[in-house]
């Protein structure tokens, strides 16, 4: 039959894409197909081409993708597709960065994707790679994935995942905050999430995971953090905090000066908003936060210099 219709030189896959039950009927072979191959064009072709897969046919057998068996066949088909693409040994995140709906379409598996996985490449891949995340896929997670209360929970999970990826899962919130910026979210494919859920604020994202986190603990202080009356409040609290961190609130002036000059007090990394609230005047910050330290009001005060040196840059 294949010789008669001029298909003998075509590849098995090309024949499979064209052959139907009607082809056999048109050449007087429908009874042969019914009796020998159970009315299955695929079974007939498989007799000639043993490596041919059902999903390579123009039409897969009826109900082929249904039920538990259909799900297992779908997994096999996805693995077959990855082998065809040379991705069988690739890392899951590399596969996710390549495979999309067009990939399934081009390999004849779009129907399977629609029936078994509701047209979701991620759903197909996560069956093979359980630790794969939606935001690792081509183009990231869908807009709908980040919407509503479930979207907020997804965002928290994504932020926790990112923190684990950078090796800070067991770190204190302040330590995490010192290492996370917008770039961190970008590197891990979470720019879209940060924009849609947290209005591009790394602090808001981390705050959602660590409610006790303070803006001054971030590597980069949130925009407008030190502006206006509210900013002055934040700055005052931040400066008071650094005084307590250095344990200077009850110290003797001479002792404080000696400790700083000896270099035994390490710089404390926090976001004191001197730039906005005090026009970079650390003395004014100290007086405002703790007027009980008049010996530190001098512009040449070692602690004043330390405050200026240790404050992170304001974004």
Protein backbone atom coordinates (compact mmCIF):
# COMPACT_ATOMS: atom_id res chain seq x y z
CA UNK A 1 0.00 0.00 0.00
CA UNK A 2 2.80 2.41 0.90
CA UNK A 3 4.51 1.67 -2.43
CA UNK A 4 1.31 2.26 -4.34
CA UNK A 5 0.64 5.68 -2.84
CA UNK A 6 4.30 6.77 -3.11
CA UNK A 7 5.10 6.87 0.61
CA UNK A 8 7.71 4.11 0.68
CA UNK A 9 10.61 6.58 0.88
CA UNK A 10 9.10 8.69 3.65
CA UNK A 11 10.26 8.34 7.23
CA UNK A 12 8.13 6.37 9.66
CA UNK A 13 7.18 9.60 11.41
CA UNK A 14 6.07 11.28 8.18
CA UNK A 15 3.96 8.27 7.25
CA UNK A 16 2.43 8.15 10.73
CA UNK A 17 1.35 11.79 10.46
CA UNK A 18 -0.54 11.05 7.21
CA UNK A 19 -1.93 7.54 7.67
CA UNK A 20 -5.52 6.99 8.87
CA UNK A 21 -8.11 4.23 8.77
CA UNK A 22 -9.45 5.84 5.57
CA UNK A 23 -6.12 5.24 3.86
CA UNK A 24 -6.52 1.49 4.36
CA UNK A 25 -10.16 1.60 3.24
CA UNK A 26 -9.26 3.46 0.04
CA UNK A 27 -6.86 0.65 -0.87
CA UNK A 28 -9.13 -2.27 0.00
CA UNK A 29 -7.33 -3.11 3.24
CA UNK A 30 -9.91 -2.22 5.86
CA UNK A 31 -10.83 -5.87 6.55
CA UNK A 32 -7.16 -6.80 6.87
CA UNK A 33 -6.75 -3.91 9.31
CA UNK A 34 -9.84 -5.00 11.31
CA UNK A 35 -8.93 -8.69 11.48
CA UNK A 36 -5.14 -8.58 11.90
CA UNK A 37 -4.59 -5.28 13.74
CA UNK A 38 -7.84 -4.71 15.61
CA UNK A 39 -8.73 -1.75 13.33
CA UNK A 40 -5.57 0.07 14.48
CA UNK A 41 -3.48 1.89 11.85
CA UNK A 42 -0.82 2.32 14.53
CA UNK A 43 -0.58 -1.44 15.13
CA UNK A 44 -0.13 -1.99 11.40
CA UNK A 45 2.66 0.59 11.13
CA UNK A 46 4.31 -0.64 14.32
CA UNK A 47 4.66 -4.00 12.58
CA UNK A 48 6.87 -2.25 10.01
CA UNK A 49 8.49 0.35 12.28
CA UNK A 50 9.02 -1.11 15.78
CA UNK A 51 10.28 2.16 17.33
CA UNK A 52 7.21 4.16 16.28
CA UNK A 53 5.24 5.66 19.19
CA UNK A 54 1.44 6.05 19.33
CA UNK A 55 1.68 9.83 19.80
CA UNK A 56 3.51 10.11 16.47
CA UNK A 57 0.34 9.08 14.62
CA UNK A 58 -2.03 11.65 13.15
CA UNK A 59 -4.57 10.40 15.68
CA UNK A 60 -3.67 8.53 18.86
CA UNK A 61 -5.89 5.58 19.78
CA UNK A 62 -9.21 6.56 21.36
CA UNK A 63 -8.98 7.32 25.10
CA UNK A 64 -5.22 6.77 24.92
CA UNK A 65 -4.53 9.65 27.34
CA UNK A 66 -7.36 8.86 29.78
CA UNK A 67 -7.10 7.47 33.31
CA UNK A 68 -4.09 6.25 35.26
CA UNK A 69 -2.61 4.51 32.23
CA UNK A 70 -3.04 7.66 30.16
CA UNK A 71 -1.13 9.64 32.77
CA UNK A 72 1.72 7.14 32.70
CA UNK A 73 1.77 7.29 28.90
CA UNK A 74 1.94 11.08 29.12
CA UNK A 75 5.04 10.84 31.33
CA UNK A 76 6.62 8.43 28.84
CA UNK A 77 5.77 10.79 25.98
CA UNK A 78 7.36 13.77 27.76
CA UNK A 79 10.54 11.75 28.42
CA UNK A 80 10.58 10.71 24.76
CA UNK A 81 10.30 14.38 23.75
CA UNK A 82 13.23 15.34 26.00
CA UNK A 83 15.36 12.58 24.46
CA UNK A 84 14.48 13.86 21.00
CA UNK A 85 15.69 17.30 22.08
CA UNK A 86 18.88 15.92 23.64
CA UNK A 87 17.77 17.10 27.09
CA UNK A 88 17.48 13.77 28.87
CA UNK A 89 20.52 14.48 31.06
CA UNK A 90 20.03 18.24 31.43
CA UNK A 91 19.29 19.93 34.76
CA UNK A 92 15.56 20.50 35.37
CA UNK A 93 15.98 24.30 35.48
CA UNK A 94 17.72 24.22 32.08
CA UNK A 95 14.90 22.11 30.65
CA UNK A 96 12.32 24.50 32.11
CA UNK A 97 14.09 27.43 30.45
CA UNK A 98 13.67 25.80 27.02
CA UNK A 99 10.44 23.79 26.97
CA UNK A 100 7.14 25.57 26.33
CA UNK A 101 3.86 24.86 24.53
CA UNK A 102 5.53 25.20 21.13
CA UNK A 103 7.97 22.45 22.08
CA UNK A 104 5.10 20.02 22.68
CA UNK A 105 3.39 21.22 19.50
CA UNK A 106 6.48 20.69 17.35
CA UNK A 107 6.95 17.16 18.65
CA UNK A 108 3.31 16.18 18.12
CA UNK A 109 2.36 16.24 21.79
CA UNK A 110 0.14 19.31 22.00
CA UNK A 111 -2.98 17.14 22.16
CA UNK A 112 -1.54 15.17 25.05
CA UNK A 113 -0.60 18.40 26.81
CA UNK A 114 -4.16 19.72 26.49
CA UNK A 115 -5.88 16.51 27.58
CA UNK A 116 -3.64 15.42 30.45
CA UNK A 117 -2.11 18.68 31.71
CA UNK A 118 -4.65 21.33 30.72
CA UNK A 119 -2.12 22.83 28.29
CA UNK A 120 0.46 23.43 31.04
CA UNK A 121 4.11 22.60 30.19
CA UNK A 122 4.96 23.09 33.87
CA UNK A 123 2.42 20.45 34.94
CA UNK A 124 3.99 18.01 32.47
CA UNK A 125 7.56 18.67 33.60
CA UNK A 126 6.85 18.69 37.33
CA UNK A 127 5.65 15.09 37.01
CA UNK A 128 9.22 14.21 36.08
CA UNK A 129 11.00 16.79 38.24
CA UNK A 130 9.03 17.27 41.49
CA UNK A 131 11.28 20.08 42.75
CA UNK A 132 10.79 22.26 39.67
CA UNK A 133 9.08 25.60 40.37
CA UNK A 134 6.59 27.48 38.11
CA UNK A 135 8.76 30.61 38.03
CA UNK A 136 11.64 28.58 36.52
CA UNK A 137 9.66 28.02 33.31
CA UNK A 138 10.13 29.98 30.09
CA UNK A 139 8.62 33.43 30.74
CA UNK A 140 8.12 32.67 34.44
CA UNK A 141 4.85 31.84 36.17
CA UNK A 142 1.60 33.15 34.72
CA UNK A 143 0.15 36.48 35.90
CA UNK A 144 -2.79 34.59 37.45
CA UNK A 145 -0.37 32.54 39.57
CA UNK A 146 0.48 35.63 41.62
CA UNK A 147 -3.08 36.95 42.08
CA UNK A 148 -5.27 36.89 45.16
CA UNK A 149 -4.63 35.20 48.50
CA UNK A 150 -3.26 32.08 46.81
CA UNK A 151 -0.92 34.28 44.79
CA UNK A 152 0.36 35.88 47.97
CA UNK A 153 1.05 32.44 49.43
CA UNK A 154 2.81 31.47 46.20
CA UNK A 155 4.93 34.61 46.55
CA UNK A 156 5.93 33.74 50.11
CA UNK A 157 6.84 30.23 49.00
CA UNK A 158 8.90 31.66 46.12
CA UNK A 159 10.78 34.00 48.46
CA UNK A 160 11.53 31.14 50.88
CA UNK A 161 12.72 29.02 47.95
CA UNK A 162 15.03 31.83 46.80
CA UNK A 163 16.46 32.23 50.30
CA UNK A 164 17.18 28.50 50.37
CA UNK A 165 18.82 28.71 46.95
CA UNK A 166 21.31 31.30 48.20
CA UNK A 167 22.13 29.19 51.25
CA UNK A 168 20.46 31.37 53.91
CA UNK A 169 17.53 29.18 54.93
CA UNK A 170 18.85 28.86 58.48
CA UNK A 171 20.14 32.44 58.75
CA UNK A 172 18.65 35.17 60.95
CA UNK A 173 16.28 37.61 59.18
CA UNK A 174 18.81 40.44 59.46
CA UNK A 175 21.49 38.32 57.81
CA UNK A 176 19.12 37.45 54.96
CA UNK A 177 18.17 41.11 54.54
CA UNK A 178 21.81 42.13 54.19
CA UNK A 179 22.26 39.83 51.20
CA UNK A 180 18.97 40.25 49.32
CA UNK A 181 18.37 42.98 46.73
CA UNK A 182 16.26 43.35 43.60
CA UNK A 183 19.09 41.68 41.70
CA UNK A 184 18.71 38.57 43.87
CA UNK A 185 15.08 38.21 42.78
CA UNK A 186 16.07 38.81 39.15
CA UNK A 187 18.78 36.13 39.15
CA UNK A 188 16.24 33.60 40.45
CA UNK A 189 13.52 34.47 37.95
CA UNK A 190 11.29 36.30 40.42
CA UNK A 191 11.28 39.82 38.98
CA UNK A 192 7.68 39.41 37.81
CA UNK A 193 6.56 38.20 41.22
CA UNK A 194 8.37 41.06 42.97
CA UNK A 195 6.70 43.57 40.66
CA UNK A 196 3.15 42.17 40.75
CA UNK A 197 2.92 41.23 44.42
CA UNK A 198 5.28 43.63 46.18
CA UNK A 199 5.55 46.64 43.84
CA UNK A 200 9.25 46.00 43.25
CA UNK A 201 10.09 46.14 46.96
CA UNK A 202 12.54 43.47 48.22
CA UNK A 203 11.82 44.66 51.76
CA UNK A 204 8.07 44.00 51.39
CA UNK A 205 8.80 40.51 50.07
CA UNK A 206 11.12 39.67 52.97
CA UNK A 207 8.78 41.30 55.48
CA UNK A 208 6.07 38.88 54.29
CA UNK A 209 8.33 36.01 55.35
CA UNK A 210 9.93 37.67 58.40
CA UNK A 211 7.30 39.94 60.03
CA UNK A 212 9.85 41.19 62.58
CA UNK A 213 12.21 42.55 59.89
CA UNK A 214 12.94 46.30 59.94
CA UNK A 215 13.70 48.41 56.85
CA UNK A 216 17.01 49.55 58.35
CA UNK A 217 18.24 45.94 58.23
CA UNK A 218 18.08 45.76 54.43
CA UNK A 219 21.20 45.95 52.26
CA UNK A 220 19.45 48.79 50.46
CA UNK A 221 16.97 50.94 52.31
CA UNK A 222 13.47 51.07 50.75
CA UNK A 223 12.74 54.20 48.72
CA UNK A 224 11.38 57.16 50.74
CA UNK A 225 12.17 55.34 53.98
CA UNK A 226 13.81 58.43 55.46
CA UNK A 227 11.58 61.14 53.99
CA UNK A 228 9.25 63.38 55.97
CA UNK A 229 8.13 63.13 59.60
CA UNK A 230 7.75 59.36 59.34
CA UNK A 231 11.26 59.12 57.96
CA UNK A 232 12.59 61.10 60.92
CA UNK A 233 10.89 58.60 63.22
CA UNK A 234 12.52 55.71 61.41
CA UNK A 235 15.91 57.43 61.54
CA UNK A 236 15.61 58.12 65.25
CA UNK A 237 14.69 54.48 65.91
CA UNK A 238 17.56 53.30 63.74
CA UNK A 239 20.10 55.49 65.49
CA UNK A 240 18.85 54.39 68.91
CA UNK A 241 19.18 50.83 67.74
CA UNK A 242 22.83 51.24 66.72
CA UNK A 243 23.63 52.81 70.11
CA UNK A 244 22.12 49.76 71.82
CA UNK A 245 23.89 47.38 69.45
CA UNK A 246 27.20 49.00 70.36
CA UNK A 247 26.12 48.88 74.02
CA UNK A 248 26.95 52.54 74.51
CA UNK A 249 23.79 53.77 76.20
CA UNK A 250 25.21 53.46 79.74
CA UNK A 251 28.92 53.56 79.00
CA UNK A 252 31.36 56.05 80.48
CA UNK A 253 32.41 58.62 77.83
CA UNK A 254 36.10 57.86 78.24
CA UNK A 255 35.44 54.11 77.93
CA UNK A 256 33.37 54.62 74.79
CA UNK A 257 36.05 56.70 73.14
CA UNK A 258 38.78 54.21 74.08
CA UNK A 259 36.86 51.24 72.73
CA UNK A 260 36.23 52.93 69.42
CA UNK A 261 39.78 54.20 69.02
CA UNK A 262 41.16 50.72 69.80
CA UNK A 263 39.00 49.28 67.03
CA UNK A 264 37.40 46.66 69.27
CA UNK A 265 33.91 47.73 68.22
CA UNK A 266 33.08 46.24 64.81
CA UNK A 267 30.99 48.33 62.41
CA UNK A 268 27.30 47.54 62.54
CA UNK A 269 25.62 47.19 59.16
CA UNK A 270 22.27 48.98 59.30
CA UNK A 271 20.39 51.57 57.33
CA UNK A 272 20.52 54.76 59.42
CA UNK A 273 18.76 57.31 57.25
CA UNK A 274 21.21 60.15 57.84
CA UNK A 275 21.08 61.21 54.20
CA UNK A 276 17.40 62.11 54.20
CA UNK A 277 16.57 62.77 57.83
CA UNK A 278 19.72 64.50 59.06
CA UNK A 279 21.48 65.66 55.89
CA UNK A 280 24.37 63.29 56.67
CA UNK A 281 24.94 64.91 60.06
CA UNK A 282 25.60 61.96 62.37
CA UNK A 283 25.90 64.26 65.38
CA UNK A 284 22.36 65.52 64.84
CA UNK A 285 21.19 61.91 64.57
CA UNK A 286 22.85 61.00 67.85
CA UNK A 287 21.50 64.02 69.71
CA UNK A 288 18.00 63.34 68.35
CA UNK A 289 18.12 59.68 69.27
CA UNK A 290 19.87 59.87 72.59
CA UNK A 291 20.51 63.25 74.11
CA UNK A 292 22.08 61.50 77.10
CA UNK A 293 25.36 61.20 75.20
CA UNK A 294 26.52 64.85 74.97
CA UNK A 295 30.16 63.73 74.79
CA UNK A 296 29.40 62.32 71.34
CA UNK A 297 28.07 65.57 69.88
CA UNK A 298 31.45 66.66 68.61
CA UNK A 299 31.82 66.54 64.84
CA UNK A 300 35.15 64.78 65.42
CA UNK A 301 33.58 62.08 67.57
CA UNK A 302 34.86 58.56 66.68
CA UNK A 303 31.33 57.23 66.99
CA UNK A 304 30.03 59.90 64.61
CA UNK A 305 32.59 58.76 62.06
CA UNK A 306 31.68 55.13 62.68
CA UNK A 307 28.00 55.87 62.03
CA UNK A 308 28.84 57.48 58.70
CA UNK A 309 31.23 54.72 57.66
CA UNK A 310 28.89 51.84 58.46
CA UNK A 311 25.67 53.10 56.95
CA UNK A 312 24.68 51.33 53.68
CA UNK A 313 24.01 53.34 50.55
CA UNK A 314 20.47 54.58 50.16
CA UNK A 315 18.82 53.40 46.94
